[in-house]
Amino acid sequence: MAQVLVRQLDEGVVERLKRKAAARGASLEGYVRDLLNRDAQDDRAALLAELDALRAAQPPQTSDSTDLIRRWRDGERDDD
């Protein structure tokens, strides 16, 4: 597993994080790990939502390439 070292955090920030962790019955390390994991998942969810929106904006596929592929396979190419 990877490790991350965060330097120069304000003492007040660390104390607030410790209190929040204690209120949830977790260690500071566990609490911060959960925060980071949750934040990374949110990014993935946002990316998937953006991809869904892009997909929805595309015109629907109305043609079937099966006949074209069969003609090309059988040597009936229009570009020759």
PDB file of N, CA and C in Angstrom:
ATOM      1  N   MET A   1       0.842  -1.187   0.000  1.00  0.00           N
ATOM      2  CA  MET A   1       0.000   0.000   0.000  1.00  0.00           C
ATOM      3  C   MET A   1       0.878   1.238   0.000  1.00  0.00           C
ATOM      4  N   ALA A   2       0.360   2.289  -0.549  1.00  0.00           N
ATOM      5  CA  ALA A   2       1.084   3.554  -0.621  1.00  0.00           C
ATOM      6  C   ALA A   2       0.939   4.328   0.679  1.00  0.00           C
ATOM      7  N   GLN A   3       1.861   5.249   0.874  1.00  0.00           N
ATOM      8  CA  GLN A   3       1.818   6.126   2.034  1.00  0.00           C
ATOM      9  C   GLN A   3       1.889   7.561   1.569  1.00  0.00           C
ATOM     10  N   VAL A   4       1.248   8.447   2.326  1.00  0.00           N
ATOM     11  CA  VAL A   4       1.263   9.873   2.023  1.00  0.00           C
ATOM     12  C   VAL A   4       1.663  10.615   3.289  1.00  0.00           C
ATOM     13  N   LEU A   5       2.596  11.532   3.165  1.00  0.00           N
ATOM     14  CA  LEU A   5       3.015  12.368   4.284  1.00  0.00           C
ATOM     15  C   LEU A   5       2.615  13.800   3.952  1.00  0.00           C
ATOM     16  N   VAL A   6       1.824  14.402   4.822  1.00  0.00           N
ATOM     17  CA  VAL A   6       1.374  15.777   4.600  1.00  0.00           C
ATOM     18  C   VAL A   6       2.109  16.666   5.592  1.00  0.00           C
ATOM     19  N   ARG A   7       2.863  17.598   5.097  1.00  0.00           N
ATOM     20  CA  ARG A   7       3.654  18.496   5.945  1.00  0.00           C
ATOM     21  C   ARG A   7       2.956  19.838   6.102  1.00  0.00           C
ATOM     22  N   GLN A   8       3.328  20.532   7.143  1.00  0.00           N
ATOM     23  CA  GLN A   8       2.931  21.915   7.394  1.00  0.00           C
ATOM     24  C   GLN A   8       1.422  22.091   7.521  1.00  0.00           C
ATOM     25  N   LEU A   9       0.782  21.170   8.231  1.00  0.00           N
ATOM     26  CA  LEU A   9      -0.633  21.335   8.536  1.00  0.00           C
ATOM     27  C   LEU A   9      -0.771  22.243   9.748  1.00  0.00           C
ATOM     28  N   ASP A  10      -1.752  23.073   9.731  1.00  0.00           N
ATOM     29  CA  ASP A  10      -2.042  23.930  10.870  1.00  0.00           C
ATOM     30  C   ASP A  10      -2.449  23.052  12.056  1.00  0.00           C
ATOM     31  N   GLU A  11      -1.939  23.373  13.231  1.00  0.00           N
ATOM     32  CA  GLU A  11      -2.258  22.581  14.430  1.00  0.00           C
ATOM     33  C   GLU A  11      -3.758  22.543  14.701  1.00  0.00           C
ATOM     34  N   GLY A  12      -4.441  23.643  14.402  1.00  0.00           N
ATOM     35  CA  GLY A  12      -5.886  23.685  14.600  1.00  0.00           C
ATOM     36  C   GLY A  12      -6.612  22.678  13.725  1.00  0.00           C
ATOM     37  N   VAL A  13      -6.138  22.516  12.503  1.00  0.00           N
ATOM     38  CA  VAL A  13      -6.726  21.544  11.579  1.00  0.00           C
ATOM     39  C   VAL A  13      -6.546  20.138  12.133  1.00  0.00           C
ATOM     40  N   VAL A  14      -5.364  19.839  12.593  1.00  0.00           N
ATOM     41  CA  VAL A  14      -5.079  18.511  13.138  1.00  0.00           C
ATOM     42  C   VAL A  14      -5.948  18.244  14.362  1.00  0.00           C
ATOM     43  N   GLU A  15      -6.094  19.224  15.235  1.00  0.00           N
ATOM     44  CA  GLU A  15      -6.920  19.046  16.437  1.00  0.00           C
ATOM     45  C   GLU A  15      -8.383  18.813  16.077  1.00  0.00           C
ATOM     46  N   ARG A  16      -8.899  19.549  15.099  1.00  0.00           N
ATOM     47  CA  ARG A  16     -10.295  19.346  14.675  1.00  0.00           C
ATOM     48  C   ARG A  16     -10.486  17.961  14.067  1.00  0.00           C
ATOM     49  N   LEU A  17      -9.511  17.522  13.291  1.00  0.00           N
ATOM     50  CA  LEU A  17      -9.587  16.181  12.706  1.00  0.00           C
ATOM     51  C   LEU A  17      -9.538  15.111  13.794  1.00  0.00           C
ATOM     52  N   LYS A  18      -8.692  15.318  14.794  1.00  0.00           N
ATOM     53  CA  LYS A  18      -8.622  14.361  15.908  1.00  0.00           C
ATOM     54  C   LYS A  18      -9.953  14.282  16.645  1.00  0.00           C
ATOM     55  N   ARG A  19     -10.593  15.429  16.882  1.00  0.00           N
ATOM     56  CA  ARG A  19     -11.894  15.425  17.568  1.00  0.00           C
ATOM     57  C   ARG A  19     -12.951  14.709  16.742  1.00  0.00           C
ATOM     58  N   LYS A  20     -12.964  14.967  15.442  1.00  0.00           N
ATOM     59  CA  LYS A  20     -13.931  14.295  14.572  1.00  0.00           C
ATOM     60  C   LYS A  20     -13.694  12.794  14.543  1.00  0.00           C
ATOM     61  N   ALA A  21     -12.441  12.400  14.499  1.00  0.00           N
ATOM     62  CA  ALA A  21     -12.104  10.973  14.509  1.00  0.00           C
ATOM     63  C   ALA A  21     -12.565  10.339  15.811  1.00  0.00           C
ATOM     64  N   ALA A  22     -12.274  10.992  16.934  1.00  0.00           N
ATOM     65  CA  ALA A  22     -12.655  10.449  18.239  1.00  0.00           C
ATOM     66  C   ALA A  22     -14.167  10.332  18.362  1.00  0.00           C
ATOM     67  N   ALA A  23     -14.883  11.301  17.828  1.00  0.00           N
ATOM     68  CA  ALA A  23     -16.347  11.266  17.889  1.00  0.00           C
ATOM     69  C   ALA A  23     -16.907  10.076  17.121  1.00  0.00           C
ATOM     70  N   ARG A  24     -16.175   9.608  16.148  1.00  0.00           N
ATOM     71  CA  ARG A  24     -16.614   8.445  15.358  1.00  0.00           C
ATOM     72  C   ARG A  24     -15.972   7.147  15.850  1.00  0.00           C
ATOM     73  N   GLY A  25     -15.186   7.252  16.902  1.00  0.00           N
ATOM     74  CA  GLY A  25     -14.531   6.060  17.439  1.00  0.00           C
ATOM     75  C   GLY A  25     -13.406   5.558  16.557  1.00  0.00           C
ATOM     76  N   ALA A  26     -12.769   6.455  15.823  1.00  0.00           N
ATOM     77  CA  ALA A  26     -11.705   6.070  14.906  1.00  0.00           C
ATOM     78  C   ALA A  26     -10.412   6.783  15.292  1.00  0.00           C
ATOM     79  N   SER A  27      -9.316   6.261  14.807  1.00  0.00           N
ATOM     80  CA  SER A  27      -8.039   6.945  14.968  1.00  0.00           C
ATOM     81  C   SER A  27      -7.965   8.076  13.957  1.00  0.00           C
ATOM     82  N   LEU A  28      -7.049   8.994  14.184  1.00  0.00           N
ATOM     83  CA  LEU A  28      -6.839  10.082  13.213  1.00  0.00           C
ATOM     84  C   LEU A  28      -6.455   9.498  11.865  1.00  0.00           C
ATOM     85  N   GLU A  29      -5.546   8.534  11.882  1.00  0.00           N
ATOM     86  CA  GLU A  29      -5.108   7.908  10.627  1.00  0.00           C
ATOM     87  C   GLU A  29      -6.276   7.257   9.890  1.00  0.00           C
ATOM     88  N   GLY A  30      -7.082   6.500  10.606  1.00  0.00           N
ATOM     89  CA  GLY A  30      -8.227   5.839   9.978  1.00  0.00           C
ATOM     90  C   GLY A  30      -9.241   6.832   9.439  1.00  0.00           C
ATOM     91  N   TYR A  31      -9.472   7.892  10.223  1.00  0.00           N
ATOM     92  CA  TYR A  31     -10.426   8.913   9.799  1.00  0.00           C
ATOM     93  C   TYR A  31      -9.957   9.604   8.519  1.00  0.00           C
ATOM     94  N   VAL A  32      -8.683   9.989   8.491  1.00  0.00           N
ATOM     95  CA  VAL A  32      -8.138  10.669   7.298  1.00  0.00           C
ATOM     96  C   VAL A  32      -8.118   9.708   6.112  1.00  0.00           C
ATOM     97  N   ARG A  33      -7.807   8.433   6.354  1.00  0.00           N
ATOM     98  CA  ARG A  33      -7.821   7.440   5.267  1.00  0.00           C
ATOM     99  C   ARG A  33      -9.221   7.343   4.659  1.00  0.00           C
ATOM    100  N   ASP A  34     -10.239   7.304   5.519  1.00  0.00           N
ATOM    101  CA  ASP A  34     -11.615   7.251   5.024  1.00  0.00           C
ATOM    102  C   ASP A  34     -11.971   8.504   4.228  1.00  0.00           C
ATOM    103  N   LEU A  35     -11.533   9.658   4.706  1.00  0.00           N
ATOM    104  CA  LEU A  35     -11.789  10.901   3.963  1.00  0.00           C
ATOM    105  C   LEU A  35     -11.174  10.850   2.565  1.00  0.00           C
ATOM    106  N   LEU A  36      -9.933  10.409   2.492  1.00  0.00           N
ATOM    107  CA  LEU A  36      -9.246  10.344   1.201  1.00  0.00           C
ATOM    108  C   LEU A  36      -9.901   9.321   0.273  1.00  0.00           C
ATOM    109  N   ASN A  37     -10.262   8.162   0.825  1.00  0.00           N
ATOM    110  CA  ASN A  37     -10.935   7.154  -0.004  1.00  0.00           C
ATOM    111  C   ASN A  37     -12.266   7.665  -0.531  1.00  0.00           C
ATOM    112  N   ARG A  38     -13.022   8.328   0.319  1.00  0.00           N
ATOM    113  CA  ARG A  38     -14.318   8.870  -0.091  1.00  0.00           C
ATOM    114  C   ARG A  38     -14.144   9.931  -1.175  1.00  0.00           C
ATOM    115  N   ASP A  39     -13.160  10.792  -0.997  1.00  0.00           N
ATOM    116  CA  ASP A  39     -12.927  11.846  -1.985  1.00  0.00           C
ATOM    117  C   ASP A  39     -12.524  11.258  -3.334  1.00  0.00           C
ATOM    118  N   ALA A  40     -11.715  10.234  -3.326  1.00  0.00           N
ATOM    119  CA  ALA A  40     -11.302   9.594  -4.580  1.00  0.00           C
ATOM    120  C   ALA A  40     -12.494   8.939  -5.271  1.00  0.00           C
ATOM    121  N   GLN A  41     -13.402   8.350  -4.519  1.00  0.00           N
ATOM    122  CA  GLN A  41     -14.591   7.733  -5.106  1.00  0.00           C
ATOM    123  C   GLN A  41     -15.512   8.787  -5.697  1.00  0.00           C
ATOM    124  N   ASP A  42     -15.618   9.940  -5.033  1.00  0.00           N
ATOM    125  CA  ASP A  42     -16.453  11.008  -5.568  1.00  0.00           C
ATOM    126  C   ASP A  42     -15.958  11.446  -6.936  1.00  0.00           C
ATOM    127  N   ASP A  43     -14.628  11.508  -7.120  1.00  0.00           N
ATOM    128  CA  ASP A  43     -14.076  11.877  -8.413  1.00  0.00           C
ATOM    129  C   ASP A  43     -14.475  10.862  -9.478  1.00  0.00           C
ATOM    130  N   ARG A  44     -14.435   9.592  -9.133  1.00  0.00           N
ATOM    131  CA  ARG A  44     -14.821   8.544 -10.077  1.00  0.00           C
ATOM    132  C   ARG A  44     -16.303   8.672 -10.436  1.00  0.00           C
ATOM    133  N   ALA A  45     -17.127   8.933  -9.431  1.00  0.00           N
ATOM    134  CA  ALA A  45     -18.562   9.090  -9.679  1.00  0.00           C
ATOM    135  C   ALA A  45     -18.823  10.290 -10.574  1.00  0.00           C
ATOM    136  N   ALA A  46     -18.094  11.375 -10.351  1.00  0.00           N
ATOM    137  CA  ALA A  46     -18.262  12.567 -11.190  1.00  0.00           C
ATOM    138  C   ALA A  46     -17.831  12.281 -12.624  1.00  0.00           C
ATOM    139  N   LEU A  47     -16.741  11.547 -12.789  1.00  0.00           N
ATOM    140  CA  LEU A  47     -16.283  11.188 -14.131  1.00  0.00           C
ATOM    141  C   LEU A  47     -17.310  10.314 -14.845  1.00  0.00           C
ATOM    142  N   LEU A  48     -17.848   9.335 -14.141  1.00  0.00           N
ATOM    143  CA  LEU A  48     -18.861   8.470 -14.751  1.00  0.00           C
ATOM    144  C   LEU A  48     -20.111   9.258 -15.133  1.00  0.00           C
ATOM    145  N   ALA A  49     -20.498  10.221 -14.295  1.00  0.00           N
ATOM    146  CA  ALA A  49     -21.659  11.059 -14.615  1.00  0.00           C
ATOM    147  C   ALA A  49     -21.388  11.902 -15.850  1.00  0.00           C
ATOM    148  N   GLU A  50     -20.169  12.425 -15.961  1.00  0.00           N
ATOM    149  CA  GLU A  50     -19.813  13.221 -17.137  1.00  0.00           C
ATOM    150  C   GLU A  50     -19.815  12.367 -18.399  1.00  0.00           C
ATOM    151  N   LEU A  51     -19.303  11.152 -18.293  1.00  0.00           N
ATOM    152  CA  LEU A  51     -19.321  10.251 -19.450  1.00  0.00           C
ATOM    153  C   LEU A  51     -20.745   9.892 -19.851  1.00  0.00           C
ATOM    154  N   ASP A  52     -21.607   9.663 -18.884  1.00  0.00           N
ATOM    155  CA  ASP A  52     -23.014   9.384 -19.179  1.00  0.00           C
ATOM    156  C   ASP A  52     -23.667  10.551 -19.895  1.00  0.00           C
ATOM    157  N   ALA A  53     -23.347  11.780 -19.457  1.00  0.00           N
ATOM    158  CA  ALA A  53     -23.906  12.976 -20.098  1.00  0.00           C
ATOM    159  C   ALA A  53     -23.410  13.094 -21.533  1.00  0.00           C
ATOM    160  N   LEU A  54     -22.132  12.828 -21.768  1.00  0.00           N
ATOM    161  CA  LEU A  54     -21.593  12.881 -23.130  1.00  0.00           C
ATOM    162  C   LEU A  54     -22.248  11.828 -24.015  1.00  0.00           C
ATOM    163  N   ARG A  55     -22.420  10.633 -23.453  1.00  0.00           N
ATOM    164  CA  ARG A  55     -23.058   9.554 -24.211  1.00  0.00           C
ATOM    165  C   ARG A  55     -24.501   9.923 -24.567  1.00  0.00           C
ATOM    166  N   ALA A  56     -25.212  10.540 -23.634  1.00  0.00           N
ATOM    167  CA  ALA A  56     -26.605  10.916 -23.864  1.00  0.00           C
ATOM    168  C   ALA A  56     -26.716  12.019 -24.918  1.00  0.00           C
ATOM    169  N   ALA A  57     -25.668  12.839 -25.056  1.00  0.00           N
ATOM    170  CA  ALA A  57     -25.697  13.939 -26.020  1.00  0.00           C
ATOM    171  C   ALA A  57     -25.425  13.466 -27.453  1.00  0.00           C
ATOM    172  N   GLN A  58     -24.957  12.253 -27.615  1.00  0.00           N
ATOM    173  CA  GLN A  58     -24.657  11.727 -28.946  1.00  0.00           C
ATOM    174  C   GLN A  58     -25.942  11.292 -29.632  1.00  0.00           C
ATOM    175  N   PRO A  59     -26.020  11.469 -30.956  1.00  0.00           N
ATOM    176  CA  PRO A  59     -27.219  11.006 -31.658  1.00  0.00           C
ATOM    177  C   PRO A  59     -27.309   9.481 -31.581  1.00  0.00           C
ATOM    178  N   PRO A  60     -28.515   8.966 -31.557  1.00  0.00           N
ATOM    179  CA  PRO A  60     -28.662   7.508 -31.476  1.00  0.00           C
ATOM    180  C   PRO A  60     -28.136   6.826 -32.739  1.00  0.00           C
ATOM    181  N   GLN A  61     -27.627   5.627 -32.571  1.00  0.00           N
ATOM    182  CA  GLN A  61     -27.130   4.839 -33.693  1.00  0.00           C
ATOM    183  C   GLN A  61     -28.323   4.253 -34.426  1.00  0.00           C
ATOM    184  N   THR A  62     -28.488   4.640 -35.700  1.00  0.00           N
ATOM    185  CA  THR A  62     -29.653   4.168 -36.445  1.00  0.00           C
ATOM    186  C   THR A  62     -29.289   3.220 -37.581  1.00  0.00           C
ATOM    187  N   SER A  63     -28.004   3.075 -37.859  1.00  0.00           N
ATOM    188  CA  SER A  63     -27.630   2.190 -38.958  1.00  0.00           C
ATOM    189  C   SER A  63     -27.070   0.884 -38.419  1.00  0.00           C
ATOM    190  N   ASP A  64     -27.127  -0.131 -39.273  1.00  0.00           N
ATOM    191  CA  ASP A  64     -26.598  -1.438 -38.923  1.00  0.00           C
ATOM    192  C   ASP A  64     -25.474  -1.733 -39.907  1.00  0.00           C
ATOM    193  N   SER A  65     -24.302  -1.966 -39.405  1.00  0.00           N
ATOM    194  CA  SER A  65     -23.135  -2.168 -40.267  1.00  0.00           C
ATOM    195  C   SER A  65     -23.002  -3.604 -40.772  1.00  0.00           C
ATOM    196  N   THR A  66     -23.902  -4.468 -40.374  1.00  0.00           N
ATOM    197  CA  THR A  66     -23.792  -5.881 -40.742  1.00  0.00           C
ATOM    198  C   THR A  66     -23.749  -6.067 -42.253  1.00  0.00           C
ATOM    199  N   ASP A  67     -24.658  -5.421 -42.989  1.00  0.00           N
ATOM    200  CA  ASP A  67     -24.689  -5.580 -44.453  1.00  0.00           C
ATOM    201  C   ASP A  67     -23.413  -5.038 -45.089  1.00  0.00           C
ATOM    202  N   LEU A  68     -22.926  -3.907 -44.632  1.00  0.00           N
ATOM    203  CA  LEU A  68     -21.704  -3.323 -45.171  1.00  0.00           C
ATOM    204  C   LEU A  68     -20.520  -4.260 -44.947  1.00  0.00           C
ATOM    205  N   ILE A  69     -20.406  -4.805 -43.765  1.00  0.00           N
ATOM    206  CA  ILE A  69     -19.302  -5.726 -43.464  1.00  0.00           C
ATOM    207  C   ILE A  69     -19.385  -6.966 -44.341  1.00  0.00           C
ATOM    208  N   ARG A  70     -20.585  -7.489 -44.537  1.00  0.00           N
ATOM    209  CA  ARG A  70     -20.742  -8.674 -45.384  1.00  0.00           C
ATOM    210  C   ARG A  70     -20.341  -8.372 -46.830  1.00  0.00           C
ATOM    211  N   ARG A  71     -20.745  -7.198 -47.338  1.00  0.00           N
ATOM    212  CA  ARG A  71     -20.376  -6.840 -48.709  1.00  0.00           C
ATOM    213  C   ARG A  71     -18.874  -6.682 -48.846  1.00  0.00           C
ATOM    214  N   TRP A  72     -18.224  -6.048 -47.886  1.00  0.00           N
ATOM    215  CA  TRP A  72     -16.770  -5.888 -47.921  1.00  0.00           C
ATOM    216  C   TRP A  72     -16.079  -7.245 -47.859  1.00  0.00           C
ATOM    217  N   ARG A  73     -16.597  -8.121 -46.991  1.00  0.00           N
ATOM    218  CA  ARG A  73     -16.025  -9.454 -46.854  1.00  0.00           C
ATOM    219  C   ARG A  73     -16.126 -10.220 -48.177  1.00  0.00           C
ATOM    220  N   ASP A  74     -17.239 -10.014 -48.886  1.00  0.00           N
ATOM    221  CA  ASP A  74     -17.470 -10.731 -50.149  1.00  0.00           C
ATOM    222  C   ASP A  74     -16.857 -10.018 -51.349  1.00  0.00           C
ATOM    223  N   GLY A  75     -16.104  -8.954 -51.106  1.00  0.00           N
ATOM    224  CA  GLY A  75     -15.387  -8.285 -52.185  1.00  0.00           C
ATOM    225  C   GLY A  75     -16.170  -7.206 -52.896  1.00  0.00           C
ATOM    226  N   GLU A  76     -17.303  -6.806 -52.395  1.00  0.00           N
ATOM    227  CA  GLU A  76     -18.124  -5.778 -53.045  1.00  0.00           C
ATOM    228  C   GLU A  76     -17.837  -4.413 -52.407  1.00  0.00           C
ATOM    229  N   ARG A  77     -16.659  -3.908 -52.640  1.00  0.00           N
ATOM    230  CA  ARG A  77     -16.264  -2.642 -52.024  1.00  0.00           C
ATOM    231  C   ARG A  77     -16.529  -1.500 -52.979  1.00  0.00           C
ATOM    232  N   ASP A  78     -17.109  -0.419 -52.436  1.00  0.00           N
ATOM    233  CA  ASP A  78     -17.401   0.761 -53.243  1.00  0.00           C
ATOM    234  C   ASP A  78     -16.180   1.631 -53.469  1.00  0.00           C
ATOM    235  N   ASP A  79     -15.130   1.460 -52.647  1.00  0.00           N
ATOM    236  CA  ASP A  79     -13.954   2.337 -52.730  1.00  0.00           C
ATOM    237  C   ASP A  79     -12.868   1.826 -53.642  1.00  0.00           C
ATOM    238  N   ASP A  80     -13.083   0.715 -54.348  1.00  0.00           N
ATOM    239  CA  ASP A  80     -12.067   0.154 -55.241  1.00  0.00           C
ATOM    240  C   ASP A  80     -11.968   0.926 -56.531  1.00  0.00           C
TER     241      ASP A  80
END
